N, C-alpha and C. Protein backbone atom coordinates (compact mmCIF):
# COMPACT_ATOMS: atom_id res chain seq x y z
N UNK A 1 0.77 -1.66 -0.23
CA UNK A 1 0.10 -0.11 0.02
C UNK A 1 0.78 1.15 -0.22
N UNK A 2 0.55 2.11 -1.02
CA UNK A 2 1.43 3.30 -0.82
C UNK A 2 0.68 4.40 -0.29
N UNK A 3 1.39 5.15 0.76
CA UNK A 3 0.48 6.57 1.50
C UNK A 3 0.43 7.74 0.33
N UNK A 4 -1.04 8.38 0.76
CA UNK A 4 -0.94 9.33 -0.26
C UNK A 4 -0.17 10.21 -0.07
N UNK A 5 -0.19 11.23 -1.24
CA UNK A 5 0.72 12.24 -1.48
C UNK A 5 0.80 13.17 -0.09
N UNK A 6 -0.15 13.60 0.51
CA UNK A 6 -0.18 14.35 1.53
C UNK A 6 0.73 13.96 3.00
N UNK A 7 0.59 12.55 2.65
CA UNK A 7 1.59 11.77 4.11
C UNK A 7 2.68 11.41 3.60
N UNK A 8 3.07 11.31 2.40
CA UNK A 8 4.38 11.47 2.16
C UNK A 8 4.87 12.34 2.35
N UNK A 9 4.60 13.93 1.85
CA UNK A 9 5.11 14.77 2.22
C UNK A 9 5.45 15.16 3.43
N UNK A 10 4.27 14.90 4.74
CA UNK A 10 4.88 14.74 6.02
C UNK A 10 5.86 14.26 6.52
N UNK A 11 5.83 13.01 5.95
CA UNK A 11 6.89 12.03 6.40
C UNK A 11 8.69 12.51 5.80
N UNK A 12 8.37 13.33 4.92
CA UNK A 12 9.74 13.53 4.08
C UNK A 12 9.91 15.15 4.81
N UNK A 13 8.90 15.64 5.62
CA UNK A 13 9.14 17.08 6.02
C UNK A 13 10.22 16.84 7.03
N UNK A 14 11.35 17.40 7.32
CA UNK A 14 12.71 17.73 8.19
C UNK A 14 11.95 17.66 9.64
N UNK A 15 11.18 18.73 9.49
CA UNK A 15 10.84 19.38 11.13
C UNK A 15 9.42 18.48 11.53
N UNK A 16 9.33 17.92 10.80
CA UNK A 16 8.05 16.37 11.02
C UNK A 16 9.15 15.44 12.41
N UNK A 17 8.45 15.23 13.59
CA UNK A 17 8.85 14.34 14.35
C UNK A 17 8.31 12.73 14.07
N UNK A 18 9.16 12.38 14.32
CA UNK A 18 8.70 10.81 13.80
C UNK A 18 9.12 9.73 14.83
N UNK A 19 8.15 9.44 15.09
CA UNK A 19 8.57 7.77 16.45
C UNK A 19 8.01 6.64 16.00
N UNK A 20 9.28 5.78 16.12
CA UNK A 20 8.61 4.67 15.82
C UNK A 20 8.60 3.59 17.10
N UNK A 21 7.13 3.02 16.78
CA UNK A 21 7.12 2.04 17.87
C UNK A 21 6.71 0.38 17.77
N UNK A 22 7.39 -0.32 18.41
CA UNK A 22 7.69 -1.88 18.24
C UNK A 22 7.49 -2.24 19.27
N UNK A 23 7.22 -3.79 18.95
CA UNK A 23 6.94 -4.64 20.19
C UNK A 23 8.15 -5.70 19.91
N UNK A 24 8.61 -6.22 21.50
CA UNK A 24 9.32 -7.28 21.40
C UNK A 24 9.08 -8.51 21.73
N UNK A 25 9.55 -9.63 21.82
CA UNK A 25 8.90 -11.31 22.05
C UNK A 25 8.65 -11.20 23.68
N UNK A 26 8.43 -10.24 24.43
CA UNK A 26 8.01 -10.24 25.86
C UNK A 26 6.92 -9.57 25.68
N UNK A 27 6.42 -8.62 24.91
CA UNK A 27 5.26 -8.00 24.28
C UNK A 27 5.49 -6.53 25.16
N UNK A 28 6.70 -6.30 25.16
CA UNK A 28 6.77 -4.77 26.16
C UNK A 28 7.34 -3.91 24.55
N UNK A 29 6.39 -2.62 24.95
CA UNK A 29 5.91 -1.26 23.57
C UNK A 29 7.48 -0.96 23.88
N UNK A 30 8.21 -0.62 22.83
CA UNK A 30 9.14 0.11 22.88
C UNK A 30 9.14 1.34 21.60
N UNK A 31 9.25 2.33 22.09
CA UNK A 31 8.90 3.97 20.94
C UNK A 31 10.36 4.65 21.09
N UNK A 32 10.71 5.23 20.53
CA UNK A 32 11.94 5.76 20.00
C UNK A 32 11.48 6.84 18.84
N UNK A 33 12.28 8.30 18.88
CA UNK A 33 12.45 8.93 17.84
C UNK A 33 13.44 8.33 16.76
N UNK A 34 13.12 8.57 15.54
CA UNK A 34 13.77 7.79 14.44
C UNK A 34 13.21 9.21 13.24
N UNK A 35 14.51 9.92 13.15
CA UNK A 35 14.10 11.09 12.58
C UNK A 35 14.82 10.60 10.70
N UNK A 36 15.16 9.76 10.55
CA UNK A 36 15.11 9.42 9.10
C UNK A 36 14.17 8.90 8.73
N UNK A 37 13.42 8.65 9.40
CA UNK A 37 12.00 7.99 8.50
C UNK A 37 11.71 8.63 7.48
N UNK A 38 11.63 8.10 6.45
CA UNK A 38 11.38 9.09 4.97
C UNK A 38 10.63 8.03 4.13
N UNK A 39 9.97 8.66 2.98
CA UNK A 39 9.72 7.77 1.78
C UNK A 39 10.50 7.81 1.01
N UNK A 40 10.68 6.77 0.29
CA UNK A 40 11.38 7.25 -0.76
C UNK A 40 10.87 7.21 -2.61
N UNK A 41 11.81 7.57 -3.53
CA UNK A 41 10.85 7.23 -4.85
C UNK A 41 10.03 6.63 -4.98
N UNK A 42 10.10 5.25 -4.46
CA UNK A 42 9.53 4.54 -5.43
C UNK A 42 8.23 4.16 -4.08
N UNK A 43 8.28 5.11 -2.65
CA UNK A 43 6.89 4.68 -1.77
C UNK A 43 7.16 4.00 -0.75
N UNK A 44 8.12 3.43 -0.90
CA UNK A 44 8.74 2.66 0.58
C UNK A 44 8.95 3.62 1.37
N UNK A 45 8.41 2.82 2.82
CA UNK A 45 8.74 3.96 4.15
C UNK A 45 10.18 2.82 4.62
N UNK A 46 10.85 4.08 4.62
CA UNK A 46 12.59 3.97 5.22
C UNK A 46 13.14 4.27 6.07
N UNK A 47 13.97 3.83 6.92
CA UNK A 47 14.77 4.39 7.90
C UNK A 47 15.70 3.73 8.40
N UNK A 48 17.06 4.61 8.66
CA UNK A 48 18.38 3.96 8.83
C UNK A 48 18.25 4.25 10.38
N UNK A 49 18.60 2.63 11.04
CA UNK A 49 18.78 2.45 12.24
C UNK A 49 20.22 2.47 12.25
N UNK A 50 20.64 3.66 13.36
CA UNK A 50 22.07 4.05 13.59
C UNK A 50 23.11 2.85 14.81
N UNK A 51 21.98 2.51 15.84
CA UNK A 51 22.53 1.52 16.78
C UNK A 51 21.90 0.21 16.91
N UNK A 52 23.32 -0.32 16.50
CA UNK A 52 23.02 -1.71 16.31
C UNK A 52 22.32 -2.74 17.80
N UNK A 53 22.17 -1.89 18.73
CA UNK A 53 21.78 -2.61 20.27
C UNK A 53 20.76 -2.22 20.69
N UNK A 54 19.98 -1.21 19.58
CA UNK A 54 18.95 -0.69 20.41
C UNK A 54 17.74 -2.07 20.37
N UNK A 55 16.30 -1.21 21.24
CA UNK A 55 15.77 -1.82 21.39
C UNK A 55 14.85 -1.94 20.45
N UNK A 56 14.95 -0.76 19.78
CA UNK A 56 14.24 -0.94 17.91
C UNK A 56 14.95 -1.30 17.08
N UNK A 57 16.02 -1.83 16.97
CA UNK A 57 16.53 -2.58 15.94
C UNK A 57 16.20 -4.60 16.45
N UNK A 58 16.09 -4.34 18.22
CA UNK A 58 16.03 -6.19 18.17
C UNK A 58 14.46 -6.34 17.85
N UNK A 59 13.39 -5.35 18.23
CA UNK A 59 12.13 -5.38 17.68
C UNK A 59 11.45 -5.16 16.57
N UNK A 60 12.65 -4.86 15.84
CA UNK A 60 12.36 -4.92 14.09
C UNK A 60 12.65 -6.14 13.32
N UNK A 61 14.02 -6.90 13.99
CA UNK A 61 14.05 -8.09 13.54
C UNK A 61 13.01 -9.00 14.12
N UNK A 62 12.38 -8.63 15.50
CA UNK A 62 11.33 -10.11 15.74
C UNK A 62 10.16 -9.77 14.66
N UNK A 63 9.80 -8.49 14.70
CA UNK A 63 8.85 -8.27 13.54
C UNK A 63 9.22 -8.46 12.34
N UNK A 64 10.13 -8.59 12.05
CA UNK A 64 10.27 -9.28 10.42
C UNK A 64 10.39 -10.27 10.42
N UNK A 65 10.86 -11.16 11.43
CA UNK A 65 11.02 -12.44 11.27
C UNK A 65 9.50 -13.14 11.92
N UNK A 66 9.12 -12.45 12.20
CA UNK A 66 7.06 -13.42 12.78
C UNK A 66 6.51 -12.13 11.90
N UNK A 67 6.64 -11.77 11.35
CA UNK A 67 5.21 -10.33 10.90
C UNK A 67 4.57 -9.98 11.83
N UNK A 68 4.91 -9.11 12.62
CA UNK A 68 4.66 -8.13 13.74
C UNK A 68 4.38 -7.04 13.14
N UNK A 69 3.78 -6.30 13.19
CA UNK A 69 2.93 -4.65 12.95
C UNK A 69 4.18 -3.61 13.66
N UNK A 70 4.56 -2.86 13.33
CA UNK A 70 4.97 -1.77 13.92
C UNK A 70 4.42 -0.85 13.82
N UNK A 71 4.49 0.63 14.62
CA UNK A 71 4.16 1.87 14.28
C UNK A 71 4.90 3.08 14.13
N UNK A 72 4.54 3.91 13.52
CA UNK A 72 5.09 5.10 13.10
C UNK A 72 4.04 6.28 13.41
N UNK A 73 4.48 6.94 14.39
CA UNK A 73 3.26 8.16 14.38
C UNK A 73 4.41 9.72 14.10
N UNK A 74 3.82 10.07 13.10
CA UNK A 74 4.28 11.70 12.57
C UNK A 74 3.75 12.81 12.89
N UNK A 75 4.11 13.65 14.06
CA UNK A 75 4.09 14.65 14.32
C UNK A 75 4.14 16.15 13.56
N UNK A 76 3.22 16.81 13.18
CA UNK A 76 3.74 18.31 11.98
C UNK A 76 4.61 18.83 13.26
N UNK A 77 4.75 20.14 12.78
CA UNK A 77 5.10 21.46 13.36
C UNK A 77 3.90 21.98 14.17
N UNK A 78 3.02 21.73 13.50
CA UNK A 78 1.79 22.53 14.15
C UNK A 78 0.76 21.52 14.88
N UNK A 79 1.38 20.45 14.82
CA UNK A 79 1.07 19.40 15.67
C UNK A 79 -0.17 18.74 15.27
N UNK A 80 -0.32 18.52 13.63
CA UNK A 80 -1.31 17.48 13.02
C UNK A 80 -0.38 15.94 13.34
N UNK A 81 -1.27 15.11 13.43
CA UNK A 81 -0.56 13.63 13.83
C UNK A 81 -1.35 12.87 12.56
N UNK A 82 -0.24 11.80 12.24
CA UNK A 82 -1.25 10.70 11.28
C UNK A 82 -0.26 9.20 12.01
N UNK A 83 -0.75 8.01 11.83
CA UNK A 83 -0.16 6.73 12.42
C UNK A 83 0.26 6.36 10.76
N UNK A 84 1.40 5.64 10.92
CA UNK A 84 1.59 4.39 9.78
C UNK A 84 1.62 3.05 10.57
N UNK A 85 0.37 2.13 10.16
CA UNK A 85 1.05 0.41 10.95
C UNK A 85 1.42 0.14 9.71
N UNK A 86 2.48 -0.45 9.96
CA UNK A 86 3.23 -1.59 8.90
C UNK A 86 4.28 -2.72 9.26
N UNK A 87 4.62 -3.61 8.53
CA UNK A 87 5.37 -4.61 8.43
C UNK A 87 6.40 -4.71 7.72
N UNK A 88 7.71 -4.56 8.66
CA UNK A 88 9.09 -4.65 8.26
C UNK A 88 9.23 -5.58 7.16
N UNK A 89 9.61 -5.19 5.85
CA UNK A 89 9.37 -6.71 5.24
C UNK A 89 10.88 -6.53 4.49
N UNK A 90 11.91 -5.98 4.97
CA UNK A 90 13.30 -6.15 4.72
C UNK A 90 14.07 -5.23 5.42
N UNK A 91 15.19 -5.85 5.40
CA UNK A 91 16.50 -5.17 6.45
C UNK A 91 17.78 -5.29 5.54
N UNK A 92 18.57 -3.82 5.32
CA UNK A 92 19.97 -4.08 4.25
C UNK A 92 20.94 -3.82 5.58
N UNK A 93 21.79 -4.92 5.43
CA UNK A 93 23.01 -4.77 6.09
C UNK A 93 24.12 -4.85 5.69
N UNK A 94 24.24 -4.83 4.51
CA UNK A 94 25.42 -4.98 3.71
C UNK A 94 25.34 -4.49 2.06
N UNK A 95 26.36 -4.59 1.41
CA UNK A 95 26.14 -4.98 0.13
C UNK A 95 26.16 -3.16 -0.73
N UNK A 96 25.96 -2.62 -1.72
CA UNK A 96 25.77 -1.26 -2.54
C UNK A 96 25.54 -0.05 -1.42
N UNK A 97 24.02 -0.59 -1.81
CA UNK A 97 22.87 0.23 -1.12
C UNK A 97 23.41 0.47 0.60
N UNK A 98 23.67 0.10 1.22
CA UNK A 98 24.57 -0.03 2.33
C UNK A 98 25.36 1.01 2.44
N UNK A 99 26.21 0.55 1.84
CA UNK A 99 27.71 1.82 1.52
C UNK A 99 27.39 2.99 1.33
N UNK A 100 26.25 3.24 0.28
CA UNK A 100 26.07 4.61 0.05
C UNK A 100 25.35 5.19 1.29
N UNK A 101 24.38 4.28 2.01
CA UNK A 101 24.01 5.09 2.92
C UNK A 101 24.48 5.12 4.18
N UNK A 102 25.74 4.31 4.57
CA UNK A 102 26.27 4.77 5.47
C UNK A 102 27.60 5.65 5.22
N UNK A 103 28.00 6.27 3.92
CA UNK A 103 28.37 7.45 3.97
C UNK A 103 27.72 8.25 3.84
N UNK A 104 26.48 8.60 3.87
CA UNK A 104 25.59 9.85 4.03
C UNK A 104 25.76 9.92 5.58
N UNK A 105 25.57 8.88 6.23
CA UNK A 105 25.39 8.94 7.87
C UNK A 105 26.52 9.38 8.15
N UNK A 106 27.72 8.95 7.61
CA UNK A 106 29.15 9.57 8.57
C UNK A 106 29.28 10.46 7.51
N UNK A 107 29.02 11.42 6.41
CA UNK A 107 29.12 13.00 6.31
C UNK A 107 27.89 13.41 7.15
N UNK A 108 26.72 13.32 7.36
CA UNK A 108 25.55 14.19 8.13
C UNK A 108 26.55 14.34 9.63
N UNK A 109 27.11 13.31 10.37
CA UNK A 109 27.07 12.89 12.00
C UNK A 109 28.64 13.33 12.08
N UNK A 110 29.60 13.54 11.07
CA UNK A 110 30.90 14.07 11.03
C UNK A 110 31.75 12.46 11.58
N UNK A 111 31.00 11.26 10.89
CA UNK A 111 31.99 10.06 11.07
C UNK A 111 31.82 9.55 12.94
N UNK A 112 30.67 10.64 13.58
CA UNK A 112 30.77 10.33 14.82
C UNK A 112 29.67 8.71 15.06
N UNK A 113 28.67 8.48 13.76
CA UNK A 113 28.01 7.54 14.71
C UNK A 113 28.07 6.27 13.19
N UNK A 114 28.03 5.23 13.31
CA UNK A 114 27.70 3.70 12.26
C UNK A 114 26.19 4.00 11.79
N UNK A 115 25.98 3.20 10.38
CA UNK A 115 24.77 2.53 10.14
C UNK A 115 24.83 1.42 10.73
N UNK A 116 23.56 0.58 11.42
CA UNK A 116 23.27 -0.29 12.05
C UNK A 116 22.76 -1.18 10.32
N UNK A 117 21.63 -0.35 9.93
CA UNK A 117 20.56 -1.58 9.35
C UNK A 117 19.71 -0.05 8.35
N UNK A 118 19.26 -0.53 7.36
CA UNK A 118 18.38 0.34 6.48
C UNK A 118 17.01 -0.74 6.64
N UNK A 119 16.22 0.12 7.18
CA UNK A 119 14.97 -0.81 7.40
C UNK A 119 13.78 -0.29 6.13
N UNK A 120 13.22 -1.39 5.79
CA UNK A 120 11.80 -1.25 4.61
C UNK A 120 10.74 -1.52 5.62
N UNK A 121 9.23 -0.46 5.68
CA UNK A 121 8.23 -1.12 6.43
C UNK A 121 7.11 -0.95 5.38
N UNK A 122 6.66 -1.97 5.05
CA UNK A 122 4.98 -2.00 4.04
C UNK A 122 3.62 -1.44 4.89
N UNK A 123 3.34 -0.43 4.57
CA UNK A 123 2.53 0.33 5.25
C UNK A 123 1.14 -0.52 4.91
N UNK A 124 0.52 -1.30 6.12
CA UNK A 124 -0.92 -1.82 5.98
C UNK A 124 -1.97 -1.00 5.83
N UNK A 125 -2.10 0.02 7.28
CA UNK A 125 -2.70 0.84 7.48
C UNK A 125 -2.13 2.35 7.75
N UNK A 126 -2.89 3.60 7.33
CA UNK A 126 -2.93 4.61 7.94
C UNK A 126 -3.44 5.66 7.95
N UNK A 127 -3.53 6.68 9.31
CA UNK A 127 -5.01 7.40 9.43
C UNK A 127 -4.22 8.49 10.38
N UNK A 128 -5.17 9.66 9.64
CA UNK A 128 -4.70 11.10 10.71
C UNK A 128 -5.36 10.34 12.13
N UNK A 129 -4.27 11.62 13.20
CA UNK A 129 -4.76 11.14 14.76
C UNK A 129 -5.25 12.57 14.96
N UNK A 130 -5.89 13.69 14.13
CA UNK A 130 -6.31 14.47 14.14
C UNK A 130 -7.35 14.48 15.34
N UNK A 131 -7.73 14.90 16.14
CA UNK A 131 -9.05 14.76 17.10
C UNK A 131 -10.09 15.17 16.34
N UNK A 132 -10.11 16.54 15.42
CA UNK A 132 -11.43 16.82 14.73
C UNK A 132 -12.06 15.78 13.85
N UNK A 133 -10.77 15.18 12.94
CA UNK A 133 -11.01 14.03 11.94
C UNK A 133 -11.34 12.64 12.58
N UNK A 134 -10.99 12.61 13.64
CA UNK A 134 -11.24 11.48 14.40
C UNK A 134 -12.65 11.42 15.16
N UNK A 135 -13.05 12.59 15.67
CA UNK A 135 -14.69 12.93 16.13
C UNK A 135 -15.30 12.18 14.77
N UNK A 136 -14.77 13.69 13.85
CA UNK A 136 -16.13 13.55 12.09
C UNK A 136 -16.22 11.70 12.11
N UNK A 137 -15.02 10.96 12.00
CA UNK A 137 -15.01 9.69 11.72
C UNK A 137 -15.80 9.12 12.75
N UNK A 138 -16.02 8.68 14.10
CA UNK A 138 -16.46 8.29 15.09
C UNK A 138 -18.04 8.38 14.43
N UNK A 139 -18.55 9.75 14.56
CA UNK A 139 -19.82 10.17 14.16
C UNK A 139 -20.58 9.53 13.13
N UNK A 140 -20.01 9.85 11.95
CA UNK A 140 -19.91 8.91 11.26
C UNK A 140 -20.06 7.03 11.05
N UNK A 141 -19.59 6.86 11.40
CA UNK A 141 -19.29 4.95 11.72
C UNK A 141 -20.30 4.70 13.14
N UNK A 142 -20.46 5.86 14.22
CA UNK A 142 -20.75 4.96 15.31
C UNK A 142 -21.75 6.43 15.88
N UNK A 143 -23.08 6.46 15.24
CA UNK A 143 -23.41 7.55 15.55
C UNK A 143 -24.10 7.68 16.70
N UNK A 144 -24.57 6.57 17.27
CA UNK A 144 -25.37 6.28 18.60
C UNK A 144 -23.95 6.59 19.95
N UNK A 145 -23.06 6.51 19.40
CA UNK A 145 -21.95 6.38 20.62
C UNK A 145 -21.67 8.30 20.82
N UNK A 146 -22.47 8.54 21.67
CA UNK A 146 -22.36 10.28 22.24
C UNK A 146 -22.72 10.28 23.37
N UNK A 147 -22.07 11.20 24.31
CA UNK A 147 -22.87 11.40 25.42
C UNK A 147 -24.36 11.87 25.55
N UNK A 148 -25.00 11.42 26.44
CA UNK A 148 -26.63 11.76 26.27
C UNK A 148 -26.86 13.11 26.77
N UNK A 149 -25.86 13.79 27.24
CA UNK A 149 -26.32 14.99 27.75
C UNK A 149 -25.91 16.12 26.44
N UNK A 150 -25.10 15.70 25.68
CA UNK A 150 -25.33 16.20 24.03
C UNK A 150 -26.28 16.26 23.10
N UNK A 151 -27.11 14.61 23.27
CA UNK A 151 -28.12 14.34 22.80
C UNK A 151 -29.19 15.13 23.32
N UNK A 152 -29.45 15.51 24.45
CA UNK A 152 -30.43 16.39 25.21
C UNK A 152 -30.30 17.49 24.38
N UNK A 153 -29.75 18.70 24.15
CA UNK A 153 -29.57 19.85 23.92
C UNK A 153 -30.43 19.95 23.08
């Protein structure tokens, strides 16, 4: 599934905060800011993991092996947000693509950090987390789910 252009643009905006949430084999959720999350020219959701031993890295392998979903929350500078739920489908840990991205990481951080992996995530669902849009959606789908004091007015 490819994201709508609107959401691709939000993800690719450097000012958008991107948080990856993953779950490990013990069922514990880990959330971490991962500003390298982006949508490439082919529509793939991709992120570069810098820390080999991070909880996210461990959980991403668990999700890849057992087809578990991860979540990416994107929050714009004006606090609009949306969530992508997806399944890791590919990890790159060596080869020409890895070497090219490794060089970019080295340049960006003046040689301070390494590159552990390049992750590809296939979106299976995405939606706005905007409170106005969510209430509108709720009222359309579940019109009787409302507080009685609002109905009585």
